[in-house]
């Protein structure tokens, strides 16, 4: 996996308004976004909406209670 895949730090991404699909399997070549690589894994992408263009911090530890956004859980041990 590349360094942008699962790790203990968020990934800052500037996104346009609209629907986005976050990768949950870690196999996407477009990580942190879904490219369909999860097919057959039993996992599905996480759909989320952005109301206006802005920078968001996406979770990469996989433990956030506010997925796909970072909530600082990676700092709690």
PDB file of N, CA and C in Angstrom:
ATOM      1  N   UNK A   1       0.838  -1.187   0.000  1.00  0.00           N
ATOM      2  CA  UNK A   1       0.000   0.000   0.000  1.00  0.00           C
ATOM      3  C   UNK A   1       0.878   1.243   0.000  1.00  0.00           C
ATOM      4  N   UNK A   2       0.397   2.278  -0.599  1.00  0.00           N
ATOM      5  CA  UNK A   2       1.167   3.518  -0.623  1.00  0.00           C
ATOM      6  C   UNK A   2       1.066   4.196   0.733  1.00  0.00           C
ATOM      7  N   UNK A   3       1.862   5.222   0.927  1.00  0.00           N
ATOM      8  CA  UNK A   3       1.867   5.919   2.205  1.00  0.00           C
ATOM      9  C   UNK A   3       0.552   6.636   2.486  1.00  0.00           C
ATOM     10  N   UNK A   4      -0.303   6.825   1.499  1.00  0.00           N
ATOM     11  CA  UNK A   4      -1.571   7.506   1.736  1.00  0.00           C
ATOM     12  C   UNK A   4      -2.637   6.544   2.264  1.00  0.00           C
ATOM     13  N   UNK A   5      -2.336   5.236   2.295  1.00  0.00           N
ATOM     14  CA  UNK A   5      -3.286   4.266   2.805  1.00  0.00           C
ATOM     15  C   UNK A   5      -3.230   4.235   4.328  1.00  0.00           C
ATOM     16  N   UNK A   6      -3.861   3.316   4.927  1.00  0.00           N
ATOM     17  CA  UNK A   6      -4.077   3.284   6.365  1.00  0.00           C
ATOM     18  C   UNK A   6      -2.809   3.546   7.179  1.00  0.00           C
ATOM     19  N   UNK A   7      -2.906   4.577   8.015  1.00  0.00           N
ATOM     20  CA  UNK A   7      -1.822   5.010   8.878  1.00  0.00           C
ATOM     21  C   UNK A   7      -2.429   5.832  10.011  1.00  0.00           C
ATOM     22  N   UNK A   8      -1.614   6.241  10.953  1.00  0.00           N
ATOM     23  CA  UNK A   8      -2.130   6.976  12.112  1.00  0.00           C
ATOM     24  C   UNK A   8      -2.038   8.481  11.959  1.00  0.00           C
ATOM     25  N   UNK A   9      -2.499   8.979  10.828  1.00  0.00           N
ATOM     26  CA  UNK A   9      -2.616  10.420  10.631  1.00  0.00           C
ATOM     27  C   UNK A   9      -3.681  10.668   9.579  1.00  0.00           C
ATOM     28  N   UNK A  10      -4.400  11.780   9.697  1.00  0.00           N
ATOM     29  CA  UNK A  10      -5.428  12.090   8.696  1.00  0.00           C
ATOM     30  C   UNK A  10      -4.799  12.568   7.396  1.00  0.00           C
ATOM     31  N   UNK A  11      -5.598  12.567   6.354  1.00  0.00           N
ATOM     32  CA  UNK A  11      -5.167  13.063   5.050  1.00  0.00           C
ATOM     33  C   UNK A  11      -5.993  14.292   4.710  1.00  0.00           C
ATOM     34  N   UNK A  12      -5.335  15.443   4.540  1.00  0.00           N
ATOM     35  CA  UNK A  12      -6.023  16.672   4.157  1.00  0.00           C
ATOM     36  C   UNK A  12      -6.268  16.655   2.655  1.00  0.00           C
ATOM     37  N   UNK A  13      -7.536  16.860   2.260  1.00  0.00           N
ATOM     38  CA  UNK A  13      -7.912  16.841   0.855  1.00  0.00           C
ATOM     39  C   UNK A  13      -8.868  18.000   0.584  1.00  0.00           C
ATOM     40  N   UNK A  14      -8.586  18.775  -0.456  1.00  0.00           N
ATOM     41  CA  UNK A  14      -9.512  19.833  -0.859  1.00  0.00           C
ATOM     42  C   UNK A  14     -10.527  19.218  -1.816  1.00  0.00           C
ATOM     43  N   UNK A  15     -11.803  19.332  -1.464  1.00  0.00           N
ATOM     44  CA  UNK A  15     -12.869  18.721  -2.259  1.00  0.00           C
ATOM     45  C   UNK A  15     -13.867  19.748  -2.744  1.00  0.00           C
ATOM     46  N   UNK A  16     -14.393  19.490  -3.915  1.00  0.00           N
ATOM     47  CA  UNK A  16     -15.487  20.285  -4.455  1.00  0.00           C
ATOM     48  C   UNK A  16     -16.783  19.854  -3.771  1.00  0.00           C
ATOM     49  N   UNK A  17     -17.788  20.703  -3.825  1.00  0.00           N
ATOM     50  CA  UNK A  17     -19.103  20.355  -3.293  1.00  0.00           C
ATOM     51  C   UNK A  17     -19.653  19.164  -4.065  1.00  0.00           C
ATOM     52  N   UNK A  18     -20.407  18.306  -3.369  1.00  0.00           N
ATOM     53  CA  UNK A  18     -21.026  17.166  -4.030  1.00  0.00           C
ATOM     54  C   UNK A  18     -20.823  15.875  -3.275  1.00  0.00           C
ATOM     55  N   UNK A  19     -21.158  14.765  -3.930  1.00  0.00           N
ATOM     56  CA  UNK A  19     -21.032  13.432  -3.348  1.00  0.00           C
ATOM     57  C   UNK A  19     -19.642  12.863  -3.620  1.00  0.00           C
ATOM     58  N   UNK A  20     -19.110  12.187  -2.620  1.00  0.00           N
ATOM     59  CA  UNK A  20     -17.803  11.555  -2.726  1.00  0.00           C
ATOM     60  C   UNK A  20     -17.907  10.171  -2.099  1.00  0.00           C
ATOM     61  N   UNK A  21     -17.014   9.260  -2.502  1.00  0.00           N
ATOM     62  CA  UNK A  21     -17.018   7.896  -1.992  1.00  0.00           C
ATOM     63  C   UNK A  21     -15.628   7.549  -1.475  1.00  0.00           C
ATOM     64  N   UNK A  22     -15.522   7.343  -0.172  1.00  0.00           N
ATOM     65  CA  UNK A  22     -14.243   7.021   0.450  1.00  0.00           C
ATOM     66  C   UNK A  22     -13.982   5.521   0.399  1.00  0.00           C
ATOM     67  N   UNK A  23     -12.742   5.151   0.122  1.00  0.00           N
ATOM     68  CA  UNK A  23     -12.320   3.753   0.120  1.00  0.00           C
ATOM     69  C   UNK A  23     -12.333   3.217   1.552  1.00  0.00           C
ATOM     70  N   UNK A  24     -12.865   2.023   1.743  1.00  0.00           N
ATOM     71  CA  UNK A  24     -12.844   1.377   3.059  1.00  0.00           C
ATOM     72  C   UNK A  24     -12.039   0.080   3.048  1.00  0.00           C
ATOM     73  N   UNK A  25     -11.614  -0.369   1.855  1.00  0.00           N
ATOM     74  CA  UNK A  25     -10.900  -1.646   1.758  1.00  0.00           C
ATOM     75  C   UNK A  25      -9.384  -1.486   1.740  1.00  0.00           C
ATOM     76  N   UNK A  26      -8.891  -0.305   1.379  1.00  0.00           N
ATOM     77  CA  UNK A  26      -7.456  -0.068   1.301  1.00  0.00           C
ATOM     78  C   UNK A  26      -6.817  -0.516   0.004  1.00  0.00           C
ATOM     79  N   UNK A  27      -7.617  -0.978  -0.955  1.00  0.00           N
ATOM     80  CA  UNK A  27      -7.071  -1.497  -2.220  1.00  0.00           C
ATOM     81  C   UNK A  27      -7.140  -0.503  -3.373  1.00  0.00           C
ATOM     82  N   UNK A  28      -7.813   0.606  -3.194  1.00  0.00           N
ATOM     83  CA  UNK A  28      -8.033   1.553  -4.276  1.00  0.00           C
ATOM     84  C   UNK A  28      -6.739   2.213  -4.754  1.00  0.00           C
ATOM     85  N   UNK A  29      -6.570   2.267  -6.055  1.00  0.00           N
ATOM     86  CA  UNK A  29      -5.444   2.993  -6.639  1.00  0.00           C
ATOM     87  C   UNK A  29      -5.676   4.500  -6.542  1.00  0.00           C
ATOM     88  N   UNK A  30      -6.908   4.907  -6.228  1.00  0.00           N
ATOM     89  CA  UNK A  30      -7.258   6.322  -6.090  1.00  0.00           C
ATOM     90  C   UNK A  30      -7.465   6.694  -4.624  1.00  0.00           C
ATOM     91  N   UNK A  31      -6.912   5.898  -3.697  1.00  0.00           N
ATOM     92  CA  UNK A  31      -7.069   6.147  -2.273  1.00  0.00           C
ATOM     93  C   UNK A  31      -6.778   7.605  -1.963  1.00  0.00           C
ATOM     94  N   UNK A  32      -7.602   8.301  -1.207  1.00  0.00           N
ATOM     95  CA  UNK A  32      -8.596   7.786  -0.270  1.00  0.00           C
ATOM     96  C   UNK A  32      -9.985   7.588  -0.884  1.00  0.00           C
ATOM     97  N   UNK A  33     -10.072   7.660  -2.198  1.00  0.00           N
ATOM     98  CA  UNK A  33     -11.370   7.512  -2.848  1.00  0.00           C
ATOM     99  C   UNK A  33     -11.512   6.132  -3.467  1.00  0.00           C
ATOM    100  N   UNK A  34     -12.736   5.676  -3.566  1.00  0.00           N
ATOM    101  CA  UNK A  34     -13.047   4.353  -4.098  1.00  0.00           C
ATOM    102  C   UNK A  34     -12.834   4.305  -5.609  1.00  0.00           C
ATOM    103  N   UNK A  35     -12.251   3.203  -6.089  1.00  0.00           N
ATOM    104  CA  UNK A  35     -12.141   2.969  -7.534  1.00  0.00           C
ATOM    105  C   UNK A  35     -12.777   1.639  -7.929  1.00  0.00           C
ATOM    106  N   UNK A  36     -13.525   1.010  -6.983  1.00  0.00           N
ATOM    107  CA  UNK A  36     -14.198  -0.248  -7.270  1.00  0.00           C
ATOM    108  C   UNK A  36     -13.382  -1.483  -6.932  1.00  0.00           C
ATOM    109  N   UNK A  37     -12.169  -1.314  -6.416  1.00  0.00           N
ATOM    110  CA  UNK A  37     -11.299  -2.450  -6.095  1.00  0.00           C
ATOM    111  C   UNK A  37     -11.851  -3.347  -4.995  1.00  0.00           C
ATOM    112  N   UNK A  38     -12.833  -2.878  -4.247  1.00  0.00           N
ATOM    113  CA  UNK A  38     -13.411  -3.648  -3.141  1.00  0.00           C
ATOM    114  C   UNK A  38     -14.318  -4.783  -3.616  1.00  0.00           C
ATOM    115  N   UNK A  39     -14.708  -4.775  -4.866  1.00  0.00           N
ATOM    116  CA  UNK A  39     -15.683  -5.749  -5.370  1.00  0.00           C
ATOM    117  C   UNK A  39     -15.276  -7.166  -4.995  1.00  0.00           C
ATOM    118  N   UNK A  40     -16.226  -7.901  -4.400  1.00  0.00           N
ATOM    119  CA  UNK A  40     -15.990  -9.263  -3.954  1.00  0.00           C
ATOM    120  C   UNK A  40     -15.400  -9.374  -2.561  1.00  0.00           C
ATOM    121  N   UNK A  41     -15.103  -8.237  -1.920  1.00  0.00           N
ATOM    122  CA  UNK A  41     -14.476  -8.259  -0.596  1.00  0.00           C
ATOM    123  C   UNK A  41     -15.488  -8.234   0.542  1.00  0.00           C
ATOM    124  N   UNK A  42     -16.753  -7.899   0.217  1.00  0.00           N
ATOM    125  CA  UNK A  42     -17.751  -7.744   1.265  1.00  0.00           C
ATOM    126  C   UNK A  42     -17.762  -6.344   1.859  1.00  0.00           C
ATOM    127  N   UNK A  43     -16.855  -5.487   1.420  1.00  0.00           N
ATOM    128  CA  UNK A  43     -16.796  -4.107   1.886  1.00  0.00           C
ATOM    129  C   UNK A  43     -17.438  -3.198   0.852  1.00  0.00           C
ATOM    130  N   UNK A  44     -17.813  -2.013   1.277  1.00  0.00           N
ATOM    131  CA  UNK A  44     -18.425  -1.034   0.383  1.00  0.00           C
ATOM    132  C   UNK A  44     -17.840   0.336   0.693  1.00  0.00           C
ATOM    133  N   UNK A  45     -17.794   1.228  -0.292  1.00  0.00           N
ATOM    134  CA  UNK A  45     -17.285   2.575  -0.032  1.00  0.00           C
ATOM    135  C   UNK A  45     -18.223   3.347   0.887  1.00  0.00           C
ATOM    136  N   UNK A  46     -17.675   4.360   1.524  1.00  0.00           N
ATOM    137  CA  UNK A  46     -18.441   5.231   2.419  1.00  0.00           C
ATOM    138  C   UNK A  46     -18.804   6.498   1.646  1.00  0.00           C
ATOM    139  N   UNK A  47     -20.101   6.681   1.362  1.00  0.00           N
ATOM    140  CA  UNK A  47     -20.555   7.875   0.650  1.00  0.00           C
ATOM    141  C   UNK A  47     -20.665   9.033   1.641  1.00  0.00           C
ATOM    142  N   UNK A  48     -20.197  10.215   1.203  1.00  0.00           N
ATOM    143  CA  UNK A  48     -20.349  11.410   2.026  1.00  0.00           C
ATOM    144  C   UNK A  48     -20.559  12.616   1.130  1.00  0.00           C
ATOM    145  N   UNK A  49     -21.172  13.641   1.702  1.00  0.00           N
ATOM    146  CA  UNK A  49     -21.538  14.864   0.971  1.00  0.00           C
ATOM    147  C   UNK A  49     -20.739  16.049   1.510  1.00  0.00           C
ATOM    148  N   UNK A  50     -20.348  16.915   0.600  1.00  0.00           N
ATOM    149  CA  UNK A  50     -19.701  18.177   0.948  1.00  0.00           C
ATOM    150  C   UNK A  50     -20.580  19.290   0.384  1.00  0.00           C
ATOM    151  N   UNK A  51     -20.954  20.254   1.234  1.00  0.00           N
ATOM    152  CA  UNK A  51     -21.859  21.330   0.829  1.00  0.00           C
ATOM    153  C   UNK A  51     -21.190  22.440   0.019  1.00  0.00           C
ATOM    154  N   UNK A  52     -19.903  22.638   0.263  1.00  0.00           N
ATOM    155  CA  UNK A  52     -19.170  23.689  -0.446  1.00  0.00           C
ATOM    156  C   UNK A  52     -17.715  23.268  -0.567  1.00  0.00           C
ATOM    157  N   UNK A  53     -16.998  23.838  -1.520  1.00  0.00           N
ATOM    158  CA  UNK A  53     -15.586  23.504  -1.690  1.00  0.00           C
ATOM    159  C   UNK A  53     -14.839  23.825  -0.404  1.00  0.00           C
ATOM    160  N   UNK A  54     -14.077  22.840   0.108  1.00  0.00           N
ATOM    161  CA  UNK A  54     -13.313  23.059   1.330  1.00  0.00           C
ATOM    162  C   UNK A  54     -12.307  21.939   1.525  1.00  0.00           C
ATOM    163  N   UNK A  55     -11.392  22.147   2.452  1.00  0.00           N
ATOM    164  CA  UNK A  55     -10.435  21.123   2.835  1.00  0.00           C
ATOM    165  C   UNK A  55     -11.035  20.305   3.963  1.00  0.00           C
ATOM    166  N   UNK A  56     -10.998  18.995   3.805  1.00  0.00           N
ATOM    167  CA  UNK A  56     -11.475  18.081   4.842  1.00  0.00           C
ATOM    168  C   UNK A  56     -10.310  17.182   5.254  1.00  0.00           C
ATOM    169  N   UNK A  57     -10.415  16.599   6.441  1.00  0.00           N
ATOM    170  CA  UNK A  57      -9.394  15.696   6.951  1.00  0.00           C
ATOM    171  C   UNK A  57     -10.005  14.307   7.033  1.00  0.00           C
ATOM    172  N   UNK A  58      -9.538  13.422   6.159  1.00  0.00           N
ATOM    173  CA  UNK A  58     -10.095  12.082   6.072  1.00  0.00           C
ATOM    174  C   UNK A  58      -9.320  11.120   6.966  1.00  0.00           C
ATOM    175  N   UNK A  59     -10.061  10.262   7.647  1.00  0.00           N
ATOM    176  CA  UNK A  59      -9.479   9.261   8.533  1.00  0.00           C
ATOM    177  C   UNK A  59      -8.679   8.247   7.730  1.00  0.00           C
ATOM    178  N   UNK A  60      -7.483   7.898   8.239  1.00  0.00           N
ATOM    179  CA  UNK A  60      -6.694   6.838   7.620  1.00  0.00           C
ATOM    180  C   UNK A  60      -6.373   5.730   8.615  1.00  0.00           C
ATOM    181  N   UNK A  61      -6.817   5.856   9.876  1.00  0.00           N
ATOM    182  CA  UNK A  61      -6.561   4.785  10.845  1.00  0.00           C
ATOM    183  C   UNK A  61      -7.679   3.752  10.837  1.00  0.00           C
ATOM    184  N   UNK A  62      -8.845   4.135  10.285  1.00  0.00           N
ATOM    185  CA  UNK A  62      -9.974   3.216  10.211  1.00  0.00           C
ATOM    186  C   UNK A  62     -10.787   3.109  11.488  1.00  0.00           C
ATOM    187  N   UNK A  63     -10.520   3.979  12.463  1.00  0.00           N
ATOM    188  CA  UNK A  63     -11.197   3.869  13.757  1.00  0.00           C
ATOM    189  C   UNK A  63     -12.043   5.081  14.129  1.00  0.00           C
ATOM    190  N   UNK A  64     -12.138   6.067  13.256  1.00  0.00           N
ATOM    191  CA  UNK A  64     -12.878   7.287  13.555  1.00  0.00           C
ATOM    192  C   UNK A  64     -14.353   7.003  13.810  1.00  0.00           C
ATOM    193  N   UNK A  65     -14.905   7.660  14.792  1.00  0.00           N
ATOM    194  CA  UNK A  65     -16.336   7.577  15.062  1.00  0.00           C
ATOM    195  C   UNK A  65     -17.124   8.499  14.153  1.00  0.00           C
ATOM    196  N   UNK A  66     -16.439   9.259  13.318  1.00  0.00           N
ATOM    197  CA  UNK A  66     -17.065  10.206  12.400  1.00  0.00           C
ATOM    198  C   UNK A  66     -16.616   9.918  10.963  1.00  0.00           C
ATOM    199  N   UNK A  67     -16.479   8.668  10.639  1.00  0.00           N
ATOM    200  CA  UNK A  67     -16.006   8.238   9.318  1.00  0.00           C
ATOM    201  C   UNK A  67     -16.842   8.845   8.205  1.00  0.00           C
ATOM    202  N   UNK A  68     -16.208   9.316   7.144  1.00  0.00           N
ATOM    203  CA  UNK A  68     -14.819   9.143   6.756  1.00  0.00           C
ATOM    204  C   UNK A  68     -13.895  10.234   7.276  1.00  0.00           C
ATOM    205  N   UNK A  69     -14.399  11.103   8.141  1.00  0.00           N
ATOM    206  CA  UNK A  69     -13.610  12.221   8.638  1.00  0.00           C
ATOM    207  C   UNK A  69     -12.829  11.839   9.889  1.00  0.00           C
ATOM    208  N   UNK A  70     -11.659  12.429  10.052  1.00  0.00           N
ATOM    209  CA  UNK A  70     -10.820  12.188  11.228  1.00  0.00           C
ATOM    210  C   UNK A  70     -11.476  12.836  12.445  1.00  0.00           C
ATOM    211  N   UNK A  71     -11.495  12.098  13.558  1.00  0.00           N
ATOM    212  CA  UNK A  71     -11.981  12.665  14.822  1.00  0.00           C
ATOM    213  C   UNK A  71     -10.904  12.619  15.917  1.00  0.00           C
ATOM    214  N   UNK A  72      -9.671  12.327  15.530  1.00  0.00           N
ATOM    215  CA  UNK A  72      -8.564  12.296  16.473  1.00  0.00           C
ATOM    216  C   UNK A  72      -8.375  10.968  17.183  1.00  0.00           C
ATOM    217  N   UNK A  73      -9.149   9.955  16.850  1.00  0.00           N
ATOM    218  CA  UNK A  73      -9.049   8.655  17.506  1.00  0.00           C
ATOM    219  C   UNK A  73      -7.646   8.070  17.409  1.00  0.00           C
ATOM    220  N   UNK A  74      -6.952   8.324  16.314  1.00  0.00           N
ATOM    221  CA  UNK A  74      -5.597   7.781  16.127  1.00  0.00           C
ATOM    222  C   UNK A  74      -4.630   8.250  17.200  1.00  0.00           C
ATOM    223  N   UNK A  75      -4.933   9.354  17.878  1.00  0.00           N
ATOM    224  CA  UNK A  75      -4.068   9.893  18.941  1.00  0.00           C
ATOM    225  C   UNK A  75      -4.350   9.261  20.300  1.00  0.00           C
ATOM    226  N   UNK A  76      -5.436   8.500  20.406  1.00  0.00           N
ATOM    227  CA  UNK A  76      -5.882   7.970  21.701  1.00  0.00           C
ATOM    228  C   UNK A  76      -5.320   6.594  22.025  1.00  0.00           C
ATOM    229  N   UNK A  77      -4.396   6.124  21.214  1.00  0.00           N
ATOM    230  CA  UNK A  77      -3.732   4.874  21.549  1.00  0.00           C
ATOM    231  C   UNK A  77      -4.106   3.777  20.710  1.00  0.00           C
TER     232      UNK A  77
END
